[in-house]
Amino acid sequence: MKVLIVPDSYKGSLTSTEVAGYMEQGVLAVLPEAEIYKIPIADGGEGTVEALVSASHGEFRTLEVIGPQGVPVTATYGLLDNGQTAVIEMASASGLMLLDQEELNPLRHTERVN
């Protein structure tokens, strides 16, 4: 039996790649002979770079940028097509995952990228 697993991320807890892995484990626990095909996806927000790099066998790169609190953070972006295409995810530089719950205040944070 062939099984296609195409999940999005579970915001704030699991990436689409992690979700696909757990789903694969569940299917194989019940159908050990299953042929699994995993295609992590994203809706353009958090997890988009990971899904595209994974699907196209690209590579991840990191860069220091100014985060939402005005201090440097390390952001990840992807290179596809042998470096001909870059995929940038704003969430990596200024997303909610960089803030604690009590820090969520749009009047005190920035999305500036230098």
C-alpha atoms as a PDB file:
ATOM      1  CA  MET A   1       0.000   0.000   0.000  1.00  0.00           C
ATOM      2  CA  LYS A   2       1.251   3.479  -0.868  1.00  0.00           C
ATOM      3  CA  VAL A   3       0.578   6.280   1.621  1.00  0.00           C
ATOM      4  CA  LEU A   4       1.041   9.961   0.845  1.00  0.00           C
ATOM      5  CA  ILE A   5       1.639  12.201   3.886  1.00  0.00           C
ATOM      6  CA  VAL A   6       1.340  15.945   3.183  1.00  0.00           C
ATOM      7  CA  PRO A   7       1.142  17.904   6.465  1.00  0.00           C
ATOM      8  CA  ASP A   8       1.523  21.562   7.343  1.00  0.00           C
ATOM      9  CA  SER A   9       3.215  22.543  10.608  1.00  0.00           C
ATOM     10  CA  TYR A  10       1.465  22.681  13.958  1.00  0.00           C
ATOM     11  CA  LYS A  11       2.184  26.302  14.792  1.00  0.00           C
ATOM     12  CA  GLY A  12       4.374  26.738  17.813  1.00  0.00           C
ATOM     13  CA  SER A  13       4.948  23.031  18.364  1.00  0.00           C
ATOM     14  CA  LEU A  14       6.004  20.914  15.356  1.00  0.00           C
ATOM     15  CA  THR A  15       7.402  21.641  11.896  1.00  0.00           C
ATOM     16  CA  SER A  16       5.760  20.043   8.868  1.00  0.00           C
ATOM     17  CA  THR A  17       8.765  17.713   8.557  1.00  0.00           C
ATOM     18  CA  GLU A  18       8.345  16.598  12.178  1.00  0.00           C
ATOM     19  CA  VAL A  19       4.605  16.097  11.696  1.00  0.00           C
ATOM     20  CA  ALA A  20       5.275  13.987   8.593  1.00  0.00           C
ATOM     21  CA  GLY A  21       7.760  11.867  10.551  1.00  0.00           C
ATOM     22  CA  TYR A  22       5.302  11.191  13.367  1.00  0.00           C
ATOM     23  CA  MET A  23       2.525  10.387  10.905  1.00  0.00           C
ATOM     24  CA  GLU A  24       4.860   7.979   9.135  1.00  0.00           C
ATOM     25  CA  GLN A  25       5.602   6.235  12.445  1.00  0.00           C
ATOM     26  CA  GLY A  26       1.871   5.870  13.107  1.00  0.00           C
ATOM     27  CA  VAL A  27       1.122   4.437   9.680  1.00  0.00           C
ATOM     28  CA  LEU A  28       4.054   1.998   9.858  1.00  0.00           C
ATOM     29  CA  ALA A  29       2.928   0.832  13.303  1.00  0.00           C
ATOM     30  CA  VAL A  30      -0.333  -0.350  11.725  1.00  0.00           C
ATOM     31  CA  LEU A  31       0.845  -1.087   8.171  1.00  0.00           C
ATOM     32  CA  PRO A  32       4.555  -2.023   8.367  1.00  0.00           C
ATOM     33  CA  GLU A  33       4.640  -2.891   4.647  1.00  0.00           C
ATOM     34  CA  ALA A  34       3.379   0.557   3.589  1.00  0.00           C
ATOM     35  CA  GLU A  35       5.384   2.570   1.105  1.00  0.00           C
ATOM     36  CA  ILE A  36       5.439   6.096   2.563  1.00  0.00           C
ATOM     37  CA  TYR A  37       5.850   9.315   0.587  1.00  0.00           C
ATOM     38  CA  LYS A  38       6.264  12.452   2.724  1.00  0.00           C
ATOM     39  CA  ILE A  39       5.814  15.940   1.302  1.00  0.00           C
ATOM     40  CA  PRO A  40       5.991  18.599   4.034  1.00  0.00           C
ATOM     41  CA  ILE A  41       4.129  21.744   2.993  1.00  0.00           C
ATOM     42  CA  ALA A  42       3.644  25.262   4.311  1.00  0.00           C
ATOM     43  CA  ASP A  43       1.200  28.097   3.791  1.00  0.00           C
ATOM     44  CA  GLY A  44       3.860  30.758   3.215  1.00  0.00           C
ATOM     45  CA  GLY A  45       4.492  31.497   6.884  1.00  0.00           C
ATOM     46  CA  GLU A  46       6.492  29.650   9.506  1.00  0.00           C
ATOM     47  CA  GLY A  47       7.936  26.439   8.047  1.00  0.00           C
ATOM     48  CA  THR A  48       7.965  27.542   4.399  1.00  0.00           C
ATOM     49  CA  VAL A  49      11.753  27.522   4.051  1.00  0.00           C
ATOM     50  CA  GLU A  50      12.046  24.093   5.639  1.00  0.00           C
ATOM     51  CA  ALA A  51       9.311  22.634   3.424  1.00  0.00           C
ATOM     52  CA  LEU A  52      10.752  24.049   0.189  1.00  0.00           C
ATOM     53  CA  VAL A  53      14.359  23.149   0.977  1.00  0.00           C
ATOM     54  CA  SER A  54      13.307  19.636   1.993  1.00  0.00           C
ATOM     55  CA  ALA A  55      11.167  19.084  -1.106  1.00  0.00           C
ATOM     56  CA  SER A  56      13.800  20.395  -3.539  1.00  0.00           C
ATOM     57  CA  HIS A  57      16.919  19.033  -1.817  1.00  0.00           C
ATOM     58  CA  GLY A  58      18.216  22.553  -1.377  1.00  0.00           C
ATOM     59  CA  GLU A  59      20.406  23.811   1.428  1.00  0.00           C
ATOM     60  CA  PHE A  60      19.951  25.883   4.547  1.00  0.00           C
ATOM     61  CA  ARG A  61      22.000  28.976   5.316  1.00  0.00           C
ATOM     62  CA  THR A  62      22.019  31.188   8.388  1.00  0.00           C
ATOM     63  CA  LEU A  63      22.565  34.892   8.795  1.00  0.00           C
ATOM     64  CA  GLU A  64      22.576  37.274  11.743  1.00  0.00           C
ATOM     65  CA  VAL A  65      19.735  39.811  11.516  1.00  0.00           C
ATOM     66  CA  ILE A  66      18.042  42.257  13.849  1.00  0.00           C
ATOM     67  CA  GLY A  67      15.191  40.459  15.632  1.00  0.00           C
ATOM     68  CA  PRO A  68      11.847  41.793  16.865  1.00  0.00           C
ATOM     69  CA  GLN A  69      13.374  43.172  20.061  1.00  0.00           C
ATOM     70  CA  GLY A  70      16.081  45.095  18.200  1.00  0.00           C
ATOM     71  CA  VAL A  71      18.880  42.654  19.105  1.00  0.00           C
ATOM     72  CA  PRO A  72      20.696  40.231  16.776  1.00  0.00           C
ATOM     73  CA  VAL A  73      19.158  36.797  16.147  1.00  0.00           C
ATOM     74  CA  THR A  74      20.223  34.020  13.808  1.00  0.00           C
ATOM     75  CA  ALA A  75      17.768  33.557  10.945  1.00  0.00           C
ATOM     76  CA  THR A  76      17.655  30.669   8.485  1.00  0.00           C
ATOM     77  CA  TYR A  77      16.990  30.930   4.766  1.00  0.00           C
ATOM     78  CA  GLY A  78      17.142  28.416   1.951  1.00  0.00           C
ATOM     79  CA  LEU A  79      18.965  28.114  -1.340  1.00  0.00           C
ATOM     80  CA  LEU A  80      17.331  26.156  -4.157  1.00  0.00           C
ATOM     81  CA  ASP A  81      18.361  25.361  -7.738  1.00  0.00           C
ATOM     82  CA  ASN A  82      22.094  25.227  -6.957  1.00  0.00           C
ATOM     83  CA  GLY A  83      21.949  28.639  -5.306  1.00  0.00           C
ATOM     84  CA  GLN A  84      19.967  30.331  -8.085  1.00  0.00           C
ATOM     85  CA  THR A  85      16.900  30.864  -5.871  1.00  0.00           C
ATOM     86  CA  ALA A  86      16.782  32.084  -2.282  1.00  0.00           C
ATOM     87  CA  VAL A  87      13.777  31.461  -0.029  1.00  0.00           C
ATOM     88  CA  ILE A  88      13.397  33.884   2.860  1.00  0.00           C
ATOM     89  CA  GLU A  89      10.960  33.436   5.716  1.00  0.00           C
ATOM     90  CA  MET A  90      10.253  36.590   7.740  1.00  0.00           C
ATOM     91  CA  ALA A  91       9.161  34.457  10.697  1.00  0.00           C
ATOM     92  CA  SER A  92      12.766  33.302  11.065  1.00  0.00           C
ATOM     93  CA  ALA A  93      13.862  36.902  11.656  1.00  0.00           C
ATOM     94  CA  SER A  94      10.885  38.446  13.406  1.00  0.00           C
ATOM     95  CA  GLY A  95       8.361  35.705  14.091  1.00  0.00           C
ATOM     96  CA  LEU A  96       6.346  34.988  17.195  1.00  0.00           C
ATOM     97  CA  MET A  97       8.600  32.041  18.070  1.00  0.00           C
ATOM     98  CA  LEU A  98      11.343  34.547  18.946  1.00  0.00           C
ATOM     99  CA  LEU A  99       9.221  36.073  21.718  1.00  0.00           C
ATOM    100  CA  ASP A 100       7.942  34.758  25.016  1.00  0.00           C
ATOM    101  CA  GLN A 101       4.188  34.988  25.635  1.00  0.00           C
ATOM    102  CA  GLU A 102       4.574  38.065  27.878  1.00  0.00           C
ATOM    103  CA  GLU A 103       6.617  39.837  25.171  1.00  0.00           C
ATOM    104  CA  LEU A 104       3.876  39.743  22.523  1.00  0.00           C
ATOM    105  CA  ASN A 105       3.283  43.451  21.966  1.00  0.00           C
ATOM    106  CA  PRO A 106       3.371  44.847  18.393  1.00  0.00           C
ATOM    107  CA  LEU A 107       3.895  48.381  19.681  1.00  0.00           C
ATOM    108  CA  ARG A 108       7.291  47.451  21.183  1.00  0.00           C
ATOM    109  CA  HIS A 109       8.816  45.290  18.439  1.00  0.00           C
ATOM    110  CA  THR A 110      10.159  45.642  14.909  1.00  0.00           C
ATOM    111  CA  GLU A 111      10.400  43.697  11.657  1.00  0.00           C
ATOM    112  CA  ARG A 112      13.419  45.646  10.428  1.00  0.00           C
ATOM    113  CA  VAL A 113      15.988  43.503   8.592  1.00  0.00           C
ATOM    114  CA  ASN A 114      19.454  44.930   8.006  1.00  0.00           C
END
